[in-house]
Amino acid sequence: MSLVHTVALVPNVRAAVYTTAAPGRYLLAVEEYHGGNWEPAGDAGTTPVDPFDDVAIYSICFFMFSDYWEAE
């Protein structure tokens, strides 16, 4: 997997879009910045979304990870 694009969600939290083995599908993960490293924050999922459509990525993250945001 290779990092394709990132979208800042809130300070120190980003959506990261990675390539997958399946053509046209991307892994979308929310990551937090800790001690100089980006680390997974919750679940990840695959999507056929345009990897550079920031609005779509933000929307997917909001709905996909809404339980995580409520816990924080």
PDB file of N, CA and C in Angstrom:
ATOM      1  N   MET A   1       0.843  -1.180   0.000  1.00  0.00           N
ATOM      2  CA  MET A   1       0.000   0.000   0.000  1.00  0.00           C
ATOM      3  C   MET A   1       0.882   1.235   0.000  1.00  0.00           C
ATOM      4  N   SER A   2       0.471   2.195  -0.775  1.00  0.00           N
ATOM      5  CA  SER A   2       1.185   3.465  -0.830  1.00  0.00           C
ATOM      6  C   SER A   2       0.226   4.597  -0.490  1.00  0.00           C
ATOM      7  N   LEU A   3       0.713   5.566   0.257  1.00  0.00           N
ATOM      8  CA  LEU A   3      -0.076   6.737   0.588  1.00  0.00           C
ATOM      9  C   LEU A   3      -0.287   7.563  -0.678  1.00  0.00           C
ATOM     10  N   VAL A   4      -1.552   7.896  -0.965  1.00  0.00           N
ATOM     11  CA  VAL A   4      -1.896   8.649  -2.160  1.00  0.00           C
ATOM     12  C   VAL A   4      -2.183  10.111  -1.821  1.00  0.00           C
ATOM     13  N   HIS A   5      -2.934  10.328  -0.734  1.00  0.00           N
ATOM     14  CA  HIS A   5      -3.420  11.673  -0.425  1.00  0.00           C
ATOM     15  C   HIS A   5      -3.822  11.720   1.039  1.00  0.00           C
ATOM     16  N   THR A   6      -3.771  12.912   1.632  1.00  0.00           N
ATOM     17  CA  THR A   6      -4.275  13.098   2.994  1.00  0.00           C
ATOM     18  C   THR A   6      -5.193  14.310   3.038  1.00  0.00           C
ATOM     19  N   VAL A   7      -6.109  14.281   4.004  1.00  0.00           N
ATOM     20  CA  VAL A   7      -7.027  15.391   4.232  1.00  0.00           C
ATOM     21  C   VAL A   7      -7.018  15.676   5.729  1.00  0.00           C
ATOM     22  N   ALA A   8      -6.689  16.910   6.107  1.00  0.00           N
ATOM     23  CA  ALA A   8      -6.722  17.293   7.521  1.00  0.00           C
ATOM     24  C   ALA A   8      -8.172  17.320   7.997  1.00  0.00           C
ATOM     25  N   LEU A   9      -8.437  16.656   9.116  1.00  0.00           N
ATOM     26  CA  LEU A   9      -9.789  16.639   9.674  1.00  0.00           C
ATOM     27  C   LEU A   9      -9.902  17.619  10.829  1.00  0.00           C
ATOM     28  N   VAL A  10      -9.038  17.501  11.793  1.00  0.00           N
ATOM     29  CA  VAL A  10      -8.887  18.416  12.928  1.00  0.00           C
ATOM     30  C   VAL A  10      -7.396  18.442  13.229  1.00  0.00           C
ATOM     31  N   PRO A  11      -6.919  19.354  14.094  1.00  0.00           N
ATOM     32  CA  PRO A  11      -5.490  19.365  14.389  1.00  0.00           C
ATOM     33  C   PRO A  11      -4.984  17.988  14.839  1.00  0.00           C
ATOM     34  N   ASN A  12      -3.898  17.549  14.242  1.00  0.00           N
ATOM     35  CA  ASN A  12      -3.242  16.263  14.547  1.00  0.00           C
ATOM     36  C   ASN A  12      -4.051  15.029  14.162  1.00  0.00           C
ATOM     37  N   VAL A  13      -5.078  15.191  13.357  1.00  0.00           N
ATOM     38  CA  VAL A  13      -5.875  14.053  12.868  1.00  0.00           C
ATOM     39  C   VAL A  13      -6.086  14.243  11.367  1.00  0.00           C
ATOM     40  N   ARG A  14      -5.837  13.185  10.621  1.00  0.00           N
ATOM     41  CA  ARG A  14      -6.001  13.260   9.166  1.00  0.00           C
ATOM     42  C   ARG A  14      -6.693  12.019   8.641  1.00  0.00           C
ATOM     43  N   ALA A  15      -7.285  12.181   7.452  1.00  0.00           N
ATOM     44  CA  ALA A  15      -7.752  11.041   6.682  1.00  0.00           C
ATOM     45  C   ALA A  15      -6.626  10.715   5.720  1.00  0.00           C
ATOM     46  N   ALA A  16      -6.248   9.467   5.646  1.00  0.00           N
ATOM     47  CA  ALA A  16      -5.175   9.032   4.752  1.00  0.00           C
ATOM     48  C   ALA A  16      -5.758   8.059   3.729  1.00  0.00           C
ATOM     49  N   VAL A  17      -5.459   8.302   2.472  1.00  0.00           N
ATOM     50  CA  VAL A  17      -5.945   7.458   1.387  1.00  0.00           C
ATOM     51  C   VAL A  17      -4.760   6.659   0.853  1.00  0.00           C
ATOM     52  N   TYR A  18      -4.900   5.341   0.854  1.00  0.00           N
ATOM     53  CA  TYR A  18      -3.847   4.445   0.398  1.00  0.00           C
ATOM     54  C   TYR A  18      -4.324   3.626  -0.791  1.00  0.00           C
ATOM     55  N   THR A  19      -3.398   3.218  -1.643  1.00  0.00           N
ATOM     56  CA  THR A  19      -3.732   2.307  -2.737  1.00  0.00           C
ATOM     57  C   THR A  19      -4.031   0.925  -2.165  1.00  0.00           C
ATOM     58  N   THR A  20      -4.751   0.122  -2.949  1.00  0.00           N
ATOM     59  CA  THR A  20      -4.991  -1.282  -2.592  1.00  0.00           C
ATOM     60  C   THR A  20      -4.655  -2.131  -3.816  1.00  0.00           C
ATOM     61  N   ALA A  21      -4.720  -3.435  -3.649  1.00  0.00           N
ATOM     62  CA  ALA A  21      -4.460  -4.342  -4.773  1.00  0.00           C
ATOM     63  C   ALA A  21      -5.612  -4.325  -5.779  1.00  0.00           C
ATOM     64  N   ALA A  22      -6.784  -3.881  -5.352  1.00  0.00           N
ATOM     65  CA  ALA A  22      -7.953  -3.845  -6.237  1.00  0.00           C
ATOM     66  C   ALA A  22      -7.969  -2.530  -7.015  1.00  0.00           C
ATOM     67  N   PRO A  23      -7.935  -2.590  -8.328  1.00  0.00           N
ATOM     68  CA  PRO A  23      -7.954  -1.363  -9.131  1.00  0.00           C
ATOM     69  C   PRO A  23      -9.199  -0.519  -8.847  1.00  0.00           C
ATOM     70  N   GLY A  24      -9.000   0.779  -8.658  1.00  0.00           N
ATOM     71  CA  GLY A  24     -10.124   1.678  -8.437  1.00  0.00           C
ATOM     72  C   GLY A  24     -10.655   1.706  -7.019  1.00  0.00           C
ATOM     73  N   ARG A  25     -10.039   0.953  -6.108  1.00  0.00           N
ATOM     74  CA  ARG A  25     -10.471   0.960  -4.695  1.00  0.00           C
ATOM     75  C   ARG A  25      -9.315   1.470  -3.856  1.00  0.00           C
ATOM     76  N   TYR A  26      -9.675   2.220  -2.832  1.00  0.00           N
ATOM     77  CA  TYR A  26      -8.677   2.832  -1.965  1.00  0.00           C
ATOM     78  C   TYR A  26      -9.003   2.540  -0.514  1.00  0.00           C
ATOM     79  N   LEU A  27      -7.973   2.423   0.298  1.00  0.00           N
ATOM     80  CA  LEU A  27      -8.147   2.247   1.739  1.00  0.00           C
ATOM     81  C   LEU A  27      -8.185   3.629   2.354  1.00  0.00           C
ATOM     82  N   LEU A  28      -9.226   3.902   3.114  1.00  0.00           N
ATOM     83  CA  LEU A  28      -9.392   5.178   3.783  1.00  0.00           C
ATOM     84  C   LEU A  28      -9.240   4.946   5.277  1.00  0.00           C
ATOM     85  N   ALA A  29      -8.271   5.614   5.890  1.00  0.00           N
ATOM     86  CA  ALA A  29      -7.999   5.429   7.307  1.00  0.00           C
ATOM     87  C   ALA A  29      -7.889   6.785   7.996  1.00  0.00           C
ATOM     88  N   VAL A  30      -8.341   6.850   9.240  1.00  0.00           N
ATOM     89  CA  VAL A  30      -8.142   8.043  10.055  1.00  0.00           C
ATOM     90  C   VAL A  30      -6.907   7.790  10.904  1.00  0.00           C
ATOM     91  N   GLU A  31      -6.015   8.781  10.917  1.00  0.00           N
ATOM     92  CA  GLU A  31      -4.753   8.645  11.648  1.00  0.00           C
ATOM     93  C   GLU A  31      -4.540   9.849  12.553  1.00  0.00           C
ATOM     94  N   GLU A  32      -3.911   9.588  13.718  1.00  0.00           N
ATOM     95  CA  GLU A  32      -3.564  10.637  14.667  1.00  0.00           C
ATOM     96  C   GLU A  32      -2.052  10.785  14.726  1.00  0.00           C
ATOM     97  N   TYR A  33      -1.596  12.003  14.954  1.00  0.00           N
ATOM     98  CA  TYR A  33      -0.164  12.292  15.039  1.00  0.00           C
ATOM     99  C   TYR A  33       0.276  12.197  16.496  1.00  0.00           C
ATOM    100  N   HIS A  34       1.189  11.259  16.790  1.00  0.00           N
ATOM    101  CA  HIS A  34       1.702  11.042  18.144  1.00  0.00           C
ATOM    102  C   HIS A  34       3.209  10.900  18.099  1.00  0.00           C
ATOM    103  N   GLY A  35       3.914  11.729  18.815  1.00  0.00           N
ATOM    104  CA  GLY A  35       5.360  11.580  18.947  1.00  0.00           C
ATOM    105  C   GLY A  35       6.114  11.537  17.629  1.00  0.00           C
ATOM    106  N   GLY A  36       5.696  12.308  16.668  1.00  0.00           N
ATOM    107  CA  GLY A  36       6.384  12.349  15.387  1.00  0.00           C
ATOM    108  C   GLY A  36       5.946  11.310  14.377  1.00  0.00           C
ATOM    109  N   ASN A  37       4.924  10.505  14.708  1.00  0.00           N
ATOM    110  CA  ASN A  37       4.445   9.448  13.806  1.00  0.00           C
ATOM    111  C   ASN A  37       2.933   9.534  13.641  1.00  0.00           C
ATOM    112  N   TRP A  38       2.471   9.175  12.444  1.00  0.00           N
ATOM    113  CA  TRP A  38       1.039   9.039  12.211  1.00  0.00           C
ATOM    114  C   TRP A  38       0.644   7.615  12.562  1.00  0.00           C
ATOM    115  N   GLU A  39      -0.367   7.468  13.437  1.00  0.00           N
ATOM    116  CA  GLU A  39      -0.815   6.157  13.908  1.00  0.00           C
ATOM    117  C   GLU A  39      -2.296   5.982  13.613  1.00  0.00           C
ATOM    118  N   PRO A  40      -2.744   4.730  13.382  1.00  0.00           N
ATOM    119  CA  PRO A  40      -4.166   4.478  13.134  1.00  0.00           C
ATOM    120  C   PRO A  40      -5.022   4.927  14.314  1.00  0.00           C
ATOM    121  N   ALA A  41      -6.177   5.478  14.006  1.00  0.00           N
ATOM    122  CA  ALA A  41      -7.129   5.907  15.030  1.00  0.00           C
ATOM    123  C   ALA A  41      -8.488   5.327  14.676  1.00  0.00           C
ATOM    124  N   GLY A  42      -8.749   4.114  15.088  1.00  0.00           N
ATOM    125  CA  GLY A  42     -10.025   3.490  14.773  1.00  0.00           C
ATOM    126  C   GLY A  42      -9.927   2.588  13.555  1.00  0.00           C
ATOM    127  N   ASP A  43     -11.078   2.309  12.988  1.00  0.00           N
ATOM    128  CA  ASP A  43     -11.178   1.396  11.851  1.00  0.00           C
ATOM    129  C   ASP A  43     -10.767   2.064  10.548  1.00  0.00           C
ATOM    130  N   ALA A  44     -10.611   1.247   9.546  1.00  0.00           N
ATOM    131  CA  ALA A  44     -10.352   1.722   8.183  1.00  0.00           C
ATOM    132  C   ALA A  44     -11.295   0.971   7.255  1.00  0.00           C
ATOM    133  N   GLY A  45     -11.503   1.498   6.074  1.00  0.00           N
ATOM    134  CA  GLY A  45     -12.377   0.832   5.127  1.00  0.00           C
ATOM    135  C   GLY A  45     -11.975   1.152   3.707  1.00  0.00           C
ATOM    136  N   THR A  46     -12.444   0.328   2.773  1.00  0.00           N
ATOM    137  CA  THR A  46     -12.128   0.570   1.368  1.00  0.00           C
ATOM    138  C   THR A  46     -13.294   1.270   0.690  1.00  0.00           C
ATOM    139  N   THR A  47     -12.970   2.041  -0.327  1.00  0.00           N
ATOM    140  CA  THR A  47     -13.974   2.817  -1.041  1.00  0.00           C
ATOM    141  C   THR A  47     -13.510   3.072  -2.471  1.00  0.00           C
ATOM    142  N   PRO A  48     -14.448   3.252  -3.401  1.00  0.00           N
ATOM    143  CA  PRO A  48     -14.081   3.599  -4.773  1.00  0.00           C
ATOM    144  C   PRO A  48     -14.010   5.114  -4.987  1.00  0.00           C
ATOM    145  N   VAL A  49     -14.065   5.907  -3.911  1.00  0.00           N
ATOM    146  CA  VAL A  49     -14.086   7.368  -4.027  1.00  0.00           C
ATOM    147  C   VAL A  49     -12.835   7.890  -4.737  1.00  0.00           C
ATOM    148  N   ASP A  50     -12.986   9.017  -5.414  1.00  0.00           N
ATOM    149  CA  ASP A  50     -11.848   9.704  -6.028  1.00  0.00           C
ATOM    150  C   ASP A  50     -10.883  10.059  -4.897  1.00  0.00           C
ATOM    151  N   PRO A  51      -9.642   9.587  -4.932  1.00  0.00           N
ATOM    152  CA  PRO A  51      -8.729   9.805  -3.808  1.00  0.00           C
ATOM    153  C   PRO A  51      -8.351  11.263  -3.587  1.00  0.00           C
ATOM    154  N   PHE A  52      -8.722  12.156  -4.503  1.00  0.00           N
ATOM    155  CA  PHE A  52      -8.400  13.571  -4.350  1.00  0.00           C
ATOM    156  C   PHE A  52      -9.633  14.442  -4.120  1.00  0.00           C
ATOM    157  N   ASP A  53     -10.780  13.804  -3.884  1.00  0.00           N
ATOM    158  CA  ASP A  53     -12.023  14.531  -3.593  1.00  0.00           C
ATOM    159  C   ASP A  53     -12.103  14.743  -2.080  1.00  0.00           C
ATOM    160  N   ASP A  54     -11.544  15.856  -1.617  1.00  0.00           N
ATOM    161  CA  ASP A  54     -11.462  16.118  -0.178  1.00  0.00           C
ATOM    162  C   ASP A  54     -12.819  16.138   0.512  1.00  0.00           C
ATOM    163  N   VAL A  55     -13.831  16.704  -0.144  1.00  0.00           N
ATOM    164  CA  VAL A  55     -15.166  16.782   0.462  1.00  0.00           C
ATOM    165  C   VAL A  55     -15.748  15.384   0.656  1.00  0.00           C
ATOM    166  N   ALA A  56     -15.626  14.522  -0.344  1.00  0.00           N
ATOM    167  CA  ALA A  56     -16.136  13.150  -0.227  1.00  0.00           C
ATOM    168  C   ALA A  56     -15.385  12.392   0.867  1.00  0.00           C
ATOM    169  N   ILE A  57     -14.085  12.550   0.927  1.00  0.00           N
ATOM    170  CA  ILE A  57     -13.282  11.856   1.944  1.00  0.00           C
ATOM    171  C   ILE A  57     -13.671  12.328   3.340  1.00  0.00           C
ATOM    172  N   TYR A  58     -13.811  13.626   3.512  1.00  0.00           N
ATOM    173  CA  TYR A  58     -14.218  14.175   4.804  1.00  0.00           C
ATOM    174  C   TYR A  58     -15.585  13.625   5.205  1.00  0.00           C
ATOM    175  N   SER A  59     -16.527  13.591   4.263  1.00  0.00           N
ATOM    176  CA  SER A  59     -17.871  13.089   4.547  1.00  0.00           C
ATOM    177  C   SER A  59     -17.858  11.616   4.931  1.00  0.00           C
ATOM    178  N   ILE A  60     -17.101  10.815   4.203  1.00  0.00           N
ATOM    179  CA  ILE A  60     -17.001   9.383   4.521  1.00  0.00           C
ATOM    180  C   ILE A  60     -16.440   9.212   5.924  1.00  0.00           C
ATOM    181  N   CYS A  61     -15.389   9.946   6.250  1.00  0.00           N
ATOM    182  CA  CYS A  61     -14.780   9.834   7.576  1.00  0.00           C
ATOM    183  C   CYS A  61     -15.756  10.237   8.662  1.00  0.00           C
ATOM    184  N   PHE A  62     -16.505  11.287   8.427  1.00  0.00           N
ATOM    185  CA  PHE A  62     -17.464  11.744   9.427  1.00  0.00           C
ATOM    186  C   PHE A  62     -18.475  10.653   9.745  1.00  0.00           C
ATOM    187  N   PHE A  63     -19.030  10.015   8.716  1.00  0.00           N
ATOM    188  CA  PHE A  63     -20.036   8.976   8.938  1.00  0.00           C
ATOM    189  C   PHE A  63     -19.417   7.648   9.354  1.00  0.00           C
ATOM    190  N   MET A  64     -18.299   7.296   8.768  1.00  0.00           N
ATOM    191  CA  MET A  64     -17.666   6.012   9.057  1.00  0.00           C
ATOM    192  C   MET A  64     -17.122   5.963  10.485  1.00  0.00           C
ATOM    193  N   PHE A  65     -16.672   7.108  10.978  1.00  0.00           N
ATOM    194  CA  PHE A  65     -16.018   7.136  12.283  1.00  0.00           C
ATOM    195  C   PHE A  65     -16.783   7.973  13.301  1.00  0.00           C
ATOM    196  N   SER A  66     -18.086   8.141  13.114  1.00  0.00           N
ATOM    197  CA  SER A  66     -18.864   8.991  14.014  1.00  0.00           C
ATOM    198  C   SER A  66     -18.827   8.485  15.457  1.00  0.00           C
ATOM    199  N   ASP A  67     -18.769   7.174  15.680  1.00  0.00           N
ATOM    200  CA  ASP A  67     -18.669   6.647  17.039  1.00  0.00           C
ATOM    201  C   ASP A  67     -17.363   7.073  17.694  1.00  0.00           C
ATOM    202  N   TYR A  68     -16.279   7.091  16.903  1.00  0.00           N
ATOM    203  CA  TYR A  68     -14.985   7.509  17.423  1.00  0.00           C
ATOM    204  C   TYR A  68     -15.025   8.978  17.847  1.00  0.00           C
ATOM    205  N   TRP A  69     -15.600   9.830  16.997  1.00  0.00           N
ATOM    206  CA  TRP A  69     -15.628  11.265  17.314  1.00  0.00           C
ATOM    207  C   TRP A  69     -16.441  11.511  18.577  1.00  0.00           C
ATOM    208  N   GLU A  70     -17.554  10.789  18.759  1.00  0.00           N
ATOM    209  CA  GLU A  70     -18.377  10.966  19.953  1.00  0.00           C
ATOM    210  C   GLU A  70     -17.636  10.530  21.210  1.00  0.00           C
ATOM    211  N   ALA A  71     -16.784   9.516  21.111  1.00  0.00           N
ATOM    212  CA  ALA A  71     -16.037   9.017  22.271  1.00  0.00           C
ATOM    213  C   ALA A  71     -14.958  10.003  22.694  1.00  0.00           C
ATOM    214  N   GLU A  72     -14.434  10.767  21.754  1.00  0.00           N
ATOM    215  CA  GLU A  72     -13.384  11.734  22.070  1.00  0.00           C
ATOM    216  C   GLU A  72     -14.024  12.933  22.649  1.00  0.00           C
TER     217      GLU A  72
END
